[in-house]
N, C-alpha and C. Protein backbone atom coordinates (compact mmCIF):
# COMPACT_ATOMS: atom_id res chain seq x y z
N MET A 1 -5.17 -9.65 13.71
CA MET A 1 -6.51 -9.90 13.39
C MET A 1 -6.64 -10.14 11.85
N LYS A 2 -7.98 -10.66 11.18
CA LYS A 2 -7.94 -10.90 9.89
C LYS A 2 -7.67 -9.56 9.05
N ARG A 3 -8.36 -8.65 9.58
CA ARG A 3 -8.13 -7.35 8.80
C ARG A 3 -6.76 -6.97 8.31
N ASP A 4 -5.77 -7.16 9.42
CA ASP A 4 -4.38 -7.01 9.11
C ASP A 4 -3.81 -7.84 8.27
N ALA A 5 -4.44 -9.17 8.19
CA ALA A 5 -3.77 -10.12 7.15
C ALA A 5 -4.24 -9.69 5.83
N ILE A 6 -5.72 -9.31 5.65
CA ILE A 6 -6.25 -8.93 4.52
C ILE A 6 -5.30 -7.65 3.86
N ALA A 7 -5.24 -6.60 4.82
CA ALA A 7 -4.38 -5.50 4.18
C ALA A 7 -3.13 -5.85 3.78
N PHE A 8 -2.43 -6.67 4.53
CA PHE A 8 -0.90 -7.02 4.11
C PHE A 8 -1.07 -7.80 2.84
N ALA A 9 -2.21 -8.62 2.69
CA ALA A 9 -2.35 -9.46 1.45
C ALA A 9 -2.36 -8.44 0.37
N LEU A 10 -3.18 -7.55 0.36
CA LEU A 10 -3.60 -6.51 -0.40
C LEU A 10 -2.24 -5.93 -0.94
N SER A 11 -1.55 -5.47 -0.23
CA SER A 11 -0.14 -4.95 -0.71
C SER A 11 0.64 -6.02 -1.08
N GLY A 12 0.67 -7.05 -0.42
CA GLY A 12 1.71 -8.32 -0.75
C GLY A 12 1.43 -8.83 -2.03
N ILE A 13 0.12 -9.07 -2.53
CA ILE A 13 -0.30 -9.76 -3.83
C ILE A 13 0.06 -8.87 -4.87
N LEU A 14 -0.15 -7.38 -4.78
CA LEU A 14 0.14 -6.54 -5.78
C LEU A 14 1.76 -6.38 -5.85
N PHE A 15 2.55 -6.44 -4.81
CA PHE A 15 3.72 -6.34 -4.55
C PHE A 15 4.51 -7.37 -5.22
N GLY A 16 4.01 -8.61 -5.18
CA GLY A 16 4.76 -9.71 -5.96
C GLY A 16 4.43 -9.54 -7.34
N LEU A 17 3.33 -9.02 -8.01
CA LEU A 17 3.15 -8.60 -9.37
C LEU A 17 4.10 -7.56 -9.72
N LEU A 18 4.21 -6.50 -8.80
CA LEU A 18 4.86 -5.37 -9.08
C LEU A 18 6.45 -5.69 -9.20
N VAL A 19 7.05 -6.51 -8.43
CA VAL A 19 8.43 -7.00 -8.70
C VAL A 19 8.62 -7.55 -9.88
N GLY A 20 7.73 -8.29 -10.42
CA GLY A 20 7.90 -8.96 -11.88
C GLY A 20 7.74 -7.87 -12.79
N TRP A 21 6.94 -6.77 -12.61
CA TRP A 21 6.65 -5.77 -13.61
C TRP A 21 8.15 -4.92 -13.62
N ILE A 22 8.62 -4.65 -12.44
CA ILE A 22 9.97 -3.97 -12.49
C ILE A 22 11.07 -4.62 -13.20
N ILE A 23 11.22 -5.96 -12.90
CA ILE A 23 12.22 -6.80 -13.52
C ILE A 23 11.82 -6.91 -14.94
N GLY A 24 10.60 -6.96 -15.46
CA GLY A 24 10.09 -7.14 -16.86
C GLY A 24 10.41 -5.81 -17.50
N SER A 25 10.38 -4.69 -16.86
CA SER A 25 10.62 -3.39 -17.48
C SER A 25 12.03 -3.24 -18.23
N GLN A 26 12.85 -3.95 -17.79
CA GLN A 26 14.29 -3.72 -18.40
C GLN A 26 14.37 -4.61 -19.80
N GLN A 27 13.21 -5.36 -20.21
CA GLN A 27 13.28 -6.17 -21.39
C GLN A 27 12.47 -5.36 -22.45
N GLY A 28 13.16 -4.78 -23.42
CA GLY A 28 12.41 -4.01 -24.52
C GLY A 28 12.21 -2.58 -24.14
N ALA A 29 11.42 -1.85 -25.09
CA ALA A 29 11.41 -0.49 -24.83
C ALA A 29 9.97 -0.41 -24.23
N SER A 30 9.08 -1.19 -24.34
CA SER A 30 7.72 -1.02 -24.08
C SER A 30 7.48 -1.63 -22.73
N ARG A 31 7.00 -0.88 -21.69
CA ARG A 31 6.82 -1.26 -20.51
C ARG A 31 5.47 -1.83 -20.35
N PRO A 32 5.13 -3.09 -19.68
CA PRO A 32 3.79 -3.61 -19.50
C PRO A 32 3.26 -2.57 -18.50
N ALA A 33 1.89 -2.55 -18.43
CA ALA A 33 1.29 -1.65 -17.43
C ALA A 33 1.48 -2.35 -16.02
N PRO A 34 1.60 -1.71 -14.99
CA PRO A 34 1.64 -2.37 -13.55
C PRO A 34 0.22 -2.97 -13.22
N PRO A 35 0.18 -3.71 -12.20
CA PRO A 35 -1.06 -4.55 -11.90
C PRO A 35 -2.07 -3.40 -11.46
N ASN A 36 -3.30 -3.70 -11.64
CA ASN A 36 -4.62 -2.79 -11.20
C ASN A 36 -5.21 -3.53 -10.14
N PRO A 37 -5.15 -2.83 -8.84
CA PRO A 37 -5.68 -3.32 -7.67
C PRO A 37 -7.22 -3.73 -7.69
N ALA A 38 -7.96 -2.97 -8.56
CA ALA A 38 -9.34 -3.19 -8.59
C ALA A 38 -9.68 -4.50 -9.44
N VAL A 39 -8.67 -4.95 -10.31
CA VAL A 39 -8.59 -6.09 -10.91
C VAL A 39 -8.14 -7.36 -10.19
N ALA A 40 -7.09 -7.10 -9.59
CA ALA A 40 -6.48 -8.12 -8.76
C ALA A 40 -7.26 -8.37 -7.41
N ASN A 41 -7.98 -7.45 -7.08
CA ASN A 41 -8.93 -7.67 -5.74
C ASN A 41 -10.35 -7.33 -6.14
N SER A 42 -11.03 -8.32 -6.86
CA SER A 42 -12.42 -7.98 -7.25
C SER A 42 -13.26 -8.31 -5.92
N PRO A 43 -14.37 -7.53 -5.75
CA PRO A 43 -15.21 -7.69 -4.54
C PRO A 43 -15.67 -9.16 -4.36
N SER A 44 -15.74 -9.44 -3.14
CA SER A 44 -16.05 -10.77 -2.69
C SER A 44 -17.44 -10.79 -1.96
N THR A 45 -18.19 -11.86 -2.29
CA THR A 45 -19.47 -11.92 -1.43
C THR A 45 -19.50 -13.04 -0.36
N GLN A 46 -18.33 -13.78 -0.67
CA GLN A 46 -18.11 -14.83 0.40
C GLN A 46 -17.56 -14.39 1.88
N GLY A 47 -18.26 -15.12 2.76
CA GLY A 47 -17.96 -14.75 4.22
C GLY A 47 -18.31 -13.33 4.62
N PHE A 48 -19.26 -12.62 4.12
CA PHE A 48 -19.84 -11.42 4.45
C PHE A 48 -21.03 -11.56 5.36
N ASP A 49 -21.06 -11.00 6.48
CA ASP A 49 -22.27 -11.14 7.35
C ASP A 49 -22.98 -9.94 7.30
N ALA A 50 -24.25 -10.10 6.64
CA ALA A 50 -25.21 -9.21 6.30
C ALA A 50 -25.84 -8.69 7.46
N ASP A 51 -26.20 -9.71 8.36
CA ASP A 51 -27.00 -9.46 9.60
C ASP A 51 -25.88 -8.40 10.53
N ARG A 52 -24.73 -8.83 10.56
CA ARG A 52 -23.79 -7.88 11.41
C ARG A 52 -23.51 -6.57 10.96
N ALA A 53 -23.43 -6.55 9.64
CA ALA A 53 -23.28 -5.17 9.00
C ALA A 53 -24.69 -4.30 9.39
N ALA A 54 -26.07 -4.93 9.26
CA ALA A 54 -27.00 -4.32 9.53
C ALA A 54 -27.04 -3.84 11.15
N GLU A 55 -26.56 -4.73 11.83
CA GLU A 55 -26.73 -4.29 13.20
C GLU A 55 -25.56 -3.43 13.60
N LEU A 56 -24.51 -3.38 13.01
CA LEU A 56 -23.53 -2.23 13.15
C LEU A 56 -24.18 -0.95 12.57
N GLN A 57 -24.78 -1.12 11.47
CA GLN A 57 -25.35 0.28 11.02
C GLN A 57 -26.24 0.91 11.92
N ARG A 58 -26.99 -0.07 12.73
CA ARG A 58 -28.17 0.42 13.71
C ARG A 58 -27.22 1.11 14.88
N GLN A 59 -26.05 0.60 15.23
CA GLN A 59 -25.15 0.96 16.42
C GLN A 59 -24.73 2.31 15.89
N ALA A 60 -24.26 2.42 14.52
CA ALA A 60 -23.70 3.79 14.14
C ALA A 60 -24.86 4.86 14.02
N ASP A 61 -25.86 4.53 13.74
CA ASP A 61 -26.94 5.57 13.84
C ASP A 61 -27.31 6.07 15.13
N ALA A 62 -27.20 5.13 16.03
CA ALA A 62 -27.53 5.32 17.48
C ALA A 62 -26.26 6.12 18.12
N GLN A 63 -25.04 5.98 17.60
CA GLN A 63 -23.83 6.61 18.43
C GLN A 63 -23.09 7.52 17.19
N PRO A 64 -23.65 8.32 17.00
CA PRO A 64 -22.88 9.43 15.85
C PRO A 64 -21.69 9.69 16.08
N THR A 65 -21.06 9.79 17.33
CA THR A 65 -19.83 10.16 17.74
C THR A 65 -18.66 9.00 17.95
N SER A 66 -19.20 7.74 17.70
CA SER A 66 -18.57 6.70 18.08
C SER A 66 -17.46 6.34 16.91
N ALA A 67 -16.31 6.32 16.95
CA ALA A 67 -15.35 6.05 15.78
C ALA A 67 -15.12 4.46 15.78
N ASP A 68 -15.28 3.96 17.03
CA ASP A 68 -15.06 2.33 17.06
C ASP A 68 -16.16 1.63 16.18
N VAL A 69 -17.47 1.87 16.27
CA VAL A 69 -18.12 1.23 15.63
C VAL A 69 -18.38 1.38 13.97
N ARG A 70 -17.81 2.61 13.69
CA ARG A 70 -17.48 2.92 12.36
C ARG A 70 -16.34 2.17 11.67
N VAL A 71 -15.33 1.89 12.68
CA VAL A 71 -14.14 1.29 12.12
C VAL A 71 -14.70 -0.56 11.98
N GLN A 72 -15.43 -0.95 12.97
CA GLN A 72 -16.10 -2.14 12.90
C GLN A 72 -16.56 -2.40 11.47
N LEU A 73 -17.57 -1.34 11.15
CA LEU A 73 -18.01 -1.52 9.88
C LEU A 73 -17.29 -1.70 8.76
N ALA A 74 -16.19 -0.57 8.74
CA ALA A 74 -15.15 -0.71 7.59
C ALA A 74 -14.26 -2.02 7.72
N GLU A 75 -14.15 -2.62 8.88
CA GLU A 75 -13.46 -3.79 8.90
C GLU A 75 -14.33 -5.02 8.25
N LEU A 76 -15.51 -4.95 8.54
CA LEU A 76 -16.49 -5.91 7.91
C LEU A 76 -16.23 -5.78 6.47
N TYR A 77 -16.74 -4.68 5.85
CA TYR A 77 -16.43 -4.55 4.55
C TYR A 77 -15.11 -4.87 3.95
N PHE A 78 -14.06 -4.35 4.59
CA PHE A 78 -12.50 -4.44 3.93
C PHE A 78 -12.32 -6.03 4.11
N ASP A 79 -12.75 -6.82 5.17
CA ASP A 79 -12.37 -8.22 5.33
C ASP A 79 -13.03 -8.96 4.05
N ALA A 80 -14.27 -8.41 3.73
CA ALA A 80 -14.99 -9.10 2.41
C ALA A 80 -14.51 -8.58 1.24
N GLU A 81 -13.56 -7.92 1.19
CA GLU A 81 -12.86 -7.07 0.04
C GLU A 81 -13.81 -6.30 -0.74
N ARG A 82 -14.75 -5.66 0.10
CA ARG A 82 -15.85 -4.77 -0.53
C ARG A 82 -14.99 -3.33 -0.20
N PHE A 83 -14.23 -2.91 -0.81
CA PHE A 83 -13.48 -1.89 -0.54
C PHE A 83 -14.07 -0.53 -0.71
N ASP A 84 -14.86 -0.64 -1.81
CA ASP A 84 -15.69 0.63 -2.01
C ASP A 84 -16.73 1.11 -0.95
N GLN A 85 -17.25 -0.07 -0.27
CA GLN A 85 -18.10 0.21 0.96
C GLN A 85 -17.20 0.34 2.14
N ALA A 86 -16.09 -0.11 2.20
CA ALA A 86 -15.24 0.07 3.44
C ALA A 86 -14.86 1.75 3.59
N VAL A 87 -14.51 2.29 2.33
CA VAL A 87 -14.10 3.48 2.20
C VAL A 87 -14.89 4.63 3.33
N PRO A 88 -16.22 4.76 2.98
CA PRO A 88 -16.90 5.83 3.63
C PRO A 88 -16.99 5.56 5.13
N TRP A 89 -16.63 4.44 5.62
CA TRP A 89 -16.83 3.98 7.18
C TRP A 89 -15.52 4.40 7.66
N TYR A 90 -14.57 3.95 6.99
CA TYR A 90 -13.10 4.49 7.29
C TYR A 90 -12.87 5.92 7.34
N GLU A 91 -13.55 6.87 6.40
CA GLU A 91 -13.44 8.05 6.44
C GLU A 91 -14.18 8.56 7.54
N ALA A 92 -15.36 8.14 7.92
CA ALA A 92 -16.15 8.61 8.99
C ALA A 92 -15.37 8.39 10.36
N ALA A 93 -14.76 7.28 10.46
CA ALA A 93 -14.18 6.85 11.73
C ALA A 93 -12.87 7.76 11.88
N PHE A 94 -12.28 8.04 10.73
CA PHE A 94 -10.97 8.97 10.68
C PHE A 94 -11.25 10.34 10.97
N ARG A 95 -12.43 10.95 10.64
CA ARG A 95 -12.97 12.08 11.00
C ARG A 95 -13.04 12.23 12.53
N LEU A 96 -13.69 11.27 13.02
CA LEU A 96 -13.88 11.12 14.50
C LEU A 96 -12.64 10.94 15.48
N ASP A 97 -11.56 10.27 14.89
CA ASP A 97 -10.25 9.79 15.48
C ASP A 97 -9.36 10.26 14.68
N PRO A 98 -9.05 11.47 14.34
CA PRO A 98 -7.88 11.82 13.27
C PRO A 98 -6.40 11.56 13.74
N VAL A 99 -6.13 11.03 14.92
CA VAL A 99 -4.81 10.49 15.00
C VAL A 99 -4.67 9.36 15.17
N ASN A 100 -5.63 8.44 14.37
CA ASN A 100 -5.36 6.93 14.53
C ASN A 100 -4.53 6.64 13.07
N ALA A 101 -3.49 6.15 13.49
CA ALA A 101 -2.60 5.93 12.20
C ALA A 101 -3.04 4.62 11.57
N GLU A 102 -3.69 3.71 12.21
CA GLU A 102 -4.05 2.33 11.62
C GLU A 102 -5.26 2.62 10.72
N VAL A 103 -6.13 3.31 11.47
CA VAL A 103 -7.32 3.70 10.44
C VAL A 103 -7.07 4.45 9.15
N SER A 104 -6.11 5.40 9.32
CA SER A 104 -5.61 6.28 8.38
C SER A 104 -4.97 5.40 7.27
N THR A 105 -4.31 4.41 7.66
CA THR A 105 -3.44 3.61 6.68
C THR A 105 -4.60 2.51 6.03
N ASN A 106 -5.41 1.95 6.86
CA ASN A 106 -6.49 1.14 6.15
C ASN A 106 -7.33 1.81 5.23
N LEU A 107 -7.57 3.21 5.57
CA LEU A 107 -8.29 3.87 4.61
C LEU A 107 -7.47 4.16 3.21
N ALA A 108 -6.21 4.29 3.36
CA ALA A 108 -5.50 4.54 2.26
C ALA A 108 -5.36 3.54 1.33
N LEU A 109 -5.19 2.25 2.04
CA LEU A 109 -5.27 0.89 1.29
C LEU A 109 -6.72 0.72 0.59
N ALA A 110 -7.70 1.14 1.25
CA ALA A 110 -9.19 1.01 0.52
C ALA A 110 -9.19 1.90 -0.57
N TYR A 111 -8.64 3.14 -0.38
CA TYR A 111 -8.47 4.08 -1.56
C TYR A 111 -7.80 3.49 -2.57
N PHE A 112 -6.61 2.80 -2.48
CA PHE A 112 -5.77 2.17 -3.43
C PHE A 112 -6.43 1.18 -3.97
N ALA A 113 -7.10 0.19 -3.39
CA ALA A 113 -7.97 -0.88 -4.12
C ALA A 113 -9.00 -0.33 -4.91
N THR A 114 -9.41 0.76 -4.76
CA THR A 114 -10.45 1.39 -5.59
C THR A 114 -9.88 2.38 -6.56
N THR A 115 -8.27 2.27 -6.83
CA THR A 115 -7.79 2.98 -7.72
C THR A 115 -7.88 4.63 -7.64
N GLN A 116 -8.04 5.01 -6.44
CA GLN A 116 -7.84 6.42 -5.83
C GLN A 116 -6.51 6.60 -5.53
N ILE A 117 -5.53 6.73 -6.51
CA ILE A 117 -3.91 6.60 -6.28
C ILE A 117 -3.78 7.77 -5.57
N ASP A 118 -3.93 9.07 -5.99
CA ASP A 118 -3.60 10.40 -5.05
C ASP A 118 -4.30 10.46 -3.98
N ARG A 119 -5.40 10.08 -3.66
CA ARG A 119 -6.05 10.03 -2.40
C ARG A 119 -5.17 9.03 -1.48
N ALA A 120 -5.06 8.10 -1.92
CA ALA A 120 -4.06 6.85 -1.15
C ALA A 120 -2.77 7.47 -0.77
N LEU A 121 -2.12 8.20 -1.53
CA LEU A 121 -0.90 8.74 -1.29
C LEU A 121 -1.09 9.86 -0.11
N ALA A 122 -2.05 10.80 -0.42
CA ALA A 122 -2.23 11.72 0.60
C ALA A 122 -2.44 11.24 1.99
N GLN A 123 -3.49 10.12 1.92
CA GLN A 123 -3.80 9.60 3.33
C GLN A 123 -2.50 8.93 3.88
N LEU A 124 -1.74 8.19 3.18
CA LEU A 124 -0.43 7.49 3.73
C LEU A 124 0.24 8.71 4.26
N ASP A 125 0.27 10.02 3.60
CA ASP A 125 1.13 11.03 4.20
C ASP A 125 0.65 11.47 5.69
N ARG A 126 -0.76 11.37 5.66
CA ARG A 126 -1.38 11.73 6.95
C ARG A 126 -0.91 10.64 8.17
N SER A 127 -0.99 9.49 7.51
CA SER A 127 -0.73 8.19 8.54
C SER A 127 0.88 8.52 9.16
N LEU A 128 1.79 8.92 8.17
CA LEU A 128 3.09 9.05 8.50
C LEU A 128 3.40 10.40 9.30
N ALA A 129 2.38 11.30 9.36
CA ALA A 129 2.51 12.54 10.11
C ALA A 129 2.19 12.13 11.44
N ILE A 130 1.19 11.18 11.53
CA ILE A 130 1.02 10.85 12.93
C ILE A 130 1.86 9.94 13.53
N ASP A 131 2.49 8.82 12.80
CA ASP A 131 3.43 7.92 13.12
C ASP A 131 4.45 7.69 12.13
N PRO A 132 5.53 8.58 12.14
CA PRO A 132 6.56 8.63 11.05
C PRO A 132 7.21 7.35 10.86
N GLN A 133 7.08 6.26 11.80
CA GLN A 133 7.77 5.06 11.58
C GLN A 133 6.97 4.01 11.56
N ASN A 134 5.55 4.28 10.96
CA ASN A 134 4.57 3.45 10.88
C ASN A 134 4.99 2.29 9.48
N VAL A 135 5.47 0.99 9.93
CA VAL A 135 5.96 0.20 9.18
C VAL A 135 4.99 -0.30 7.80
N LYS A 136 3.67 -0.30 8.36
CA LYS A 136 2.71 -0.76 7.32
C LYS A 136 2.39 0.42 6.34
N ALA A 137 2.49 1.72 6.82
CA ALA A 137 2.20 2.70 6.18
C ALA A 137 3.40 3.12 5.10
N LEU A 138 4.57 3.03 5.63
CA LEU A 138 5.69 3.11 4.59
C LEU A 138 5.89 2.09 3.55
N PHE A 139 5.43 0.76 4.12
CA PHE A 139 5.55 -0.25 2.98
C PHE A 139 4.44 0.02 1.89
N SER A 140 3.23 0.20 2.35
CA SER A 140 2.14 0.48 1.36
C SER A 140 2.51 1.84 0.70
N GLN A 141 3.14 2.87 1.15
CA GLN A 141 3.52 4.02 0.32
C GLN A 141 4.38 3.66 -0.96
N GLY A 142 5.29 2.60 -0.47
CA GLY A 142 6.13 2.26 -1.43
C GLY A 142 5.48 1.55 -2.72
N VAL A 143 4.62 0.77 -2.27
CA VAL A 143 3.86 0.01 -3.42
C VAL A 143 2.83 0.90 -4.20
N VAL A 144 2.17 1.93 -3.70
CA VAL A 144 1.29 2.91 -4.15
C VAL A 144 2.25 3.71 -5.10
N ARG A 145 3.37 4.06 -4.72
CA ARG A 145 4.30 4.96 -5.54
C ARG A 145 4.71 4.32 -6.70
N ALA A 146 5.10 2.96 -6.44
CA ALA A 146 5.47 2.19 -7.66
C ALA A 146 4.39 1.87 -8.55
N ARG A 147 3.31 1.33 -8.04
CA ARG A 147 2.22 1.02 -8.87
C ARG A 147 1.58 1.92 -9.60
N GLY A 148 1.15 2.98 -8.51
CA GLY A 148 0.21 4.10 -9.04
C GLY A 148 0.90 5.10 -9.68
N LYS A 149 1.98 5.46 -9.51
CA LYS A 149 2.69 6.51 -10.07
C LYS A 149 4.09 6.14 -10.88
N GLN A 150 4.23 4.86 -10.90
CA GLN A 150 5.66 4.47 -11.62
C GLN A 150 6.74 5.28 -11.20
N ASP A 151 6.80 5.54 -9.99
CA ASP A 151 7.93 6.33 -9.33
C ASP A 151 8.72 5.32 -8.47
N LEU A 152 9.48 4.93 -9.07
CA LEU A 152 10.56 3.63 -8.49
C LEU A 152 11.57 4.28 -7.51
N ALA A 153 11.92 5.68 -7.85
CA ALA A 153 13.05 6.26 -6.85
C ALA A 153 12.14 6.47 -5.65
N GLY A 154 10.87 7.04 -5.57
CA GLY A 154 10.11 7.23 -4.55
C GLY A 154 9.68 5.84 -3.67
N ALA A 155 9.35 4.82 -4.43
CA ALA A 155 9.12 3.61 -3.80
C ALA A 155 10.37 3.19 -3.16
N ALA A 156 11.76 3.34 -3.66
CA ALA A 156 12.87 2.78 -3.18
C ALA A 156 13.08 3.61 -1.83
N GLN A 157 12.77 4.80 -1.76
CA GLN A 157 12.81 5.52 -0.45
C GLN A 157 12.07 4.96 0.62
N SER A 158 10.63 4.76 0.37
CA SER A 158 9.88 4.25 1.31
C SER A 158 10.18 2.82 1.77
N TRP A 159 10.74 1.91 1.03
CA TRP A 159 10.94 0.60 1.21
C TRP A 159 12.43 0.70 2.00
N GLN A 160 13.21 1.52 1.67
CA GLN A 160 14.49 1.54 2.53
C GLN A 160 14.25 2.09 3.97
N ARG A 161 13.23 2.82 4.12
CA ARG A 161 12.85 3.33 5.39
C ARG A 161 12.27 2.04 6.25
N VAL A 162 11.48 1.34 5.35
CA VAL A 162 10.88 -0.05 6.03
C VAL A 162 11.97 -0.82 6.86
N VAL A 163 13.15 -1.18 5.79
CA VAL A 163 14.42 -1.87 6.22
C VAL A 163 15.00 -1.33 7.35
N ASP A 164 15.17 -0.05 7.50
CA ASP A 164 15.75 0.69 8.45
C ASP A 164 14.90 0.61 9.83
N VAL A 165 13.71 0.86 9.67
CA VAL A 165 13.01 0.82 10.92
C VAL A 165 12.75 -0.33 11.53
N ALA A 166 12.31 -1.41 10.65
CA ALA A 166 12.03 -2.67 11.07
C ALA A 166 12.50 -3.83 10.33
N PRO A 167 13.88 -4.00 10.47
CA PRO A 167 14.61 -4.89 9.70
C PRO A 167 14.29 -6.32 9.75
N ASP A 168 13.61 -6.82 10.81
CA ASP A 168 13.27 -8.17 10.96
C ASP A 168 11.80 -8.50 10.68
N SER A 169 11.05 -7.48 10.13
CA SER A 169 9.74 -7.64 9.92
C SER A 169 9.45 -8.26 8.54
N GLN A 170 8.22 -8.73 8.35
CA GLN A 170 7.87 -9.38 7.07
C GLN A 170 7.88 -8.16 6.10
N GLU A 171 7.47 -6.94 6.36
CA GLU A 171 7.52 -5.97 5.40
C GLU A 171 8.87 -5.62 5.05
N ALA A 172 9.77 -5.77 5.86
CA ALA A 172 11.16 -5.34 5.66
C ALA A 172 11.67 -6.42 4.42
N ARG A 173 11.30 -7.65 4.85
CA ARG A 173 11.67 -8.59 3.76
C ARG A 173 11.14 -8.35 2.42
N GLN A 174 9.89 -8.15 2.31
CA GLN A 174 9.40 -7.75 1.14
C GLN A 174 9.97 -6.56 0.42
N ALA A 175 10.12 -5.58 1.28
CA ALA A 175 10.60 -4.22 1.00
C ALA A 175 12.11 -4.48 0.33
N GLN A 176 12.80 -5.46 0.90
CA GLN A 176 14.12 -5.67 0.31
C GLN A 176 14.14 -6.08 -1.04
N GLN A 177 13.11 -7.34 -1.21
CA GLN A 177 12.86 -7.72 -2.36
C GLN A 177 12.67 -6.66 -3.50
N GLY A 178 11.71 -5.58 -3.16
CA GLY A 178 11.38 -4.60 -3.96
C GLY A 178 12.69 -3.74 -4.19
N LEU A 179 13.52 -3.49 -3.27
CA LEU A 179 14.62 -2.69 -3.44
C LEU A 179 15.73 -3.58 -4.47
N ASP A 180 15.83 -4.79 -4.27
CA ASP A 180 16.67 -5.55 -5.04
C ASP A 180 16.16 -5.74 -6.42
N ALA A 181 14.77 -5.79 -6.76
CA ALA A 181 14.15 -5.69 -8.03
C ALA A 181 14.49 -4.47 -8.81
N ILE A 182 14.50 -3.34 -8.02
CA ILE A 182 14.63 -1.90 -8.88
C ILE A 182 16.18 -1.78 -9.11
N ARG A 183 17.03 -2.49 -8.33
CA ARG A 183 18.40 -2.13 -8.52
C ARG A 183 18.70 -3.09 -9.86
N ALA A 184 18.01 -4.50 -9.97
CA ALA A 184 18.20 -5.40 -11.08
C ALA A 184 17.86 -4.69 -12.31
N ALA A 185 16.78 -4.06 -12.19
CA ALA A 185 16.03 -3.49 -13.47
C ALA A 185 16.70 -2.20 -13.93
N HIS A 186 17.42 -1.49 -12.97
CA HIS A 186 18.02 -0.24 -13.23
C HIS A 186 19.48 0.01 -12.57
N PRO A 187 20.24 -1.00 -12.95
CA PRO A 187 21.94 -0.80 -12.37
C PRO A 187 22.28 0.53 -12.66
N PRO A 188 23.30 0.76 -11.71
CA PRO A 188 24.14 2.32 -11.84
C PRO A 188 24.88 2.06 -13.07
N ALA A 189 24.88 3.36 -13.74
CA ALA A 189 25.62 3.25 -15.03
C ALA A 189 27.05 3.27 -14.76
N SER A 190 27.62 2.56 -15.71
CA SER A 190 29.16 2.20 -15.62
C SER A 190 30.05 3.26 -15.95
N PRO A 191 31.13 3.47 -15.49
CA PRO A 191 31.91 4.65 -16.17
C PRO A 191 32.41 4.27 -17.53
N PRO A 192 32.65 5.50 -18.36
CA PRO A 192 33.06 4.97 -19.80
C PRO A 192 34.46 4.58 -19.81
N PRO A 193 34.63 3.45 -20.49
CA PRO A 193 36.22 2.92 -20.66
C PRO A 193 37.01 4.20 -20.96
N ALA A 194 38.41 3.98 -20.29
CA ALA A 194 39.47 4.94 -20.60
C ALA A 194 39.81 4.84 -21.91
N LYS A 195 40.27 5.95 -22.63
CA LYS A 195 40.73 5.82 -23.91
C LYS A 195 42.11 5.35 -24.05
N ALA A 196 42.29 4.80 -25.15
CA ALA A 196 43.65 4.00 -25.38
C ALA A 196 44.64 5.07 -25.35
N GLY A 197 45.82 4.81 -24.67
CA GLY A 197 47.00 5.72 -24.84
C GLY A 197 46.89 6.92 -23.63
N ALA A 198 45.73 6.90 -23.03
CA ALA A 198 45.60 8.16 -22.11
C ALA A 198 46.56 7.77 -20.98
N SER A 199 47.17 8.99 -20.38
CA SER A 199 48.13 8.95 -19.30
C SER A 199 47.60 8.45 -17.96
N GLN A 200 48.09 7.70 -17.28
CA GLN A 200 47.61 7.31 -15.93
C GLN A 200 48.08 8.18 -14.90
N PRO A 201 47.07 8.45 -14.03
CA PRO A 201 47.50 9.41 -12.96
C PRO A 201 48.90 9.09 -12.15
């Protein structure tokens, strides 16, 4: 679905910028700021179906217990990159369907796109509590940890899980790029050279 492509692109575009930031961080003492999702993904008015939104709003009002219609509204705003408007509809859908890992992860991505980093991480934890091997949630967790918290060790853990869980997936290929970038930027320390004249074991 288009929503899934947009969701992956949101992580993927930022991920490409993130890899450059990780590699660049090894040059000089001053680190450039990692990319800001609110800047990289500004709201779009193109392709937004206002009539469809109004119709779904009427359906939501008439069906207060329907998670599906709220997901459809959230997807409509998400696909148009109106992430701040997608958030409340994903929240409403998740309250009604709290075991839906896909809704939870898309809500986390919407939080991320609106720079609510702690909420995004907490929501991804909920996604992974529902489905511990959810590749999209694991990959996104790595991106949010690296970009939002500058936690490269935590990001590496998430991306390694992606590679382990789904080694042939597109997410795994990007996760491996992230792991390679982290290792290139922060290689393991070499042991100190042996002192001259030291006895050999």
